[in-house]
Amino acid sequence: MKKDNIQPLTDSEEVYCVSDVAKILRMSERTAYDFCSKTKEFIVKRCGPRLLRINKASFDSWLNS
């Protein structure tokens, strides 16, 4: 099943990894991974079958809203 918010990564983007998001939101990495996989609140890029990268600008904007 393809998620609408998961897009390919480009070289010039600043990104967070799931562990960064977990630390920022004070949750486990597993919970952060599940959250990032399902959310449409910010841009998530898939870099492999289980590797996600979160667009820093969109995540920071969501976090500060």
Protein backbone atom coordinates (compact mmCIF):
# COMPACT_ATOMS: atom_id res chain seq x y z
CA MET A 1 0.00 0.00 0.00
CA LYS A 2 1.52 3.33 -1.08
CA LYS A 3 1.18 6.31 1.25
CA ASP A 4 0.40 9.70 -0.33
CA ASN A 5 2.88 11.58 1.83
CA ILE A 6 5.89 9.33 1.13
CA GLN A 7 8.08 10.71 -1.66
CA PRO A 8 11.61 10.07 -3.00
CA LEU A 9 14.48 11.96 -1.34
CA THR A 10 16.53 14.59 -3.19
CA ASP A 11 20.16 15.41 -2.41
CA SER A 12 19.64 19.05 -1.41
CA GLU A 13 17.00 18.58 1.30
CA GLU A 14 17.59 18.96 5.02
CA VAL A 15 15.97 16.04 6.81
CA TYR A 16 15.43 14.44 10.18
CA CYS A 17 15.67 10.71 10.71
CA VAL A 18 13.09 8.87 12.79
CA SER A 19 15.37 8.88 15.84
CA ASP A 20 15.56 12.70 15.65
CA VAL A 21 11.77 12.95 15.54
CA ALA A 22 11.51 10.50 18.45
CA LYS A 23 13.82 12.68 20.57
CA ILE A 24 12.03 15.91 19.64
CA LEU A 25 8.60 14.45 20.43
CA ARG A 26 9.86 12.44 23.44
CA MET A 27 8.57 9.09 22.24
CA SER A 28 10.09 5.74 21.37
CA GLU A 29 11.64 5.24 17.95
CA ARG A 30 9.03 2.57 17.13
CA THR A 31 6.18 4.97 17.96
CA ALA A 32 7.85 7.74 15.96
CA TYR A 33 8.30 5.39 12.98
CA ASP A 34 4.63 4.38 13.09
CA PHE A 35 3.57 8.03 13.43
CA CYS A 36 5.77 9.19 10.54
CA SER A 37 4.59 6.32 8.33
CA LYS A 38 0.94 7.27 8.78
CA THR A 39 0.89 11.07 9.13
CA LYS A 40 -0.07 13.52 6.42
CA GLU A 41 0.89 16.51 8.60
CA PHE A 42 4.44 16.82 7.20
CA ILE A 43 6.49 15.42 4.31
CA VAL A 44 8.03 11.98 4.79
CA LYS A 45 10.48 10.52 2.27
CA ARG A 46 11.17 6.80 1.94
CA CYS A 47 14.84 5.94 1.33
CA GLY A 48 14.45 2.17 1.44
CA PRO A 49 11.97 -0.47 2.52
CA ARG A 50 12.14 0.60 6.18
CA LEU A 51 14.14 3.83 6.09
CA LEU A 52 12.24 7.11 6.41
CA ARG A 53 13.50 10.68 6.28
CA ILE A 54 11.37 13.59 7.41
CA ASN A 55 11.57 16.94 5.65
CA LYS A 56 12.97 19.31 8.29
CA ALA A 57 11.13 22.44 7.11
CA SER A 58 7.71 20.78 6.95
CA PHE A 59 8.19 18.99 10.29
CA ASP A 60 9.38 22.17 12.04
CA SER A 61 6.43 24.09 10.58
CA TRP A 62 4.00 21.42 11.82
CA LEU A 63 5.66 21.35 15.25
CA ASN A 64 5.47 25.12 15.67
CA SER A 65 1.86 25.46 14.48
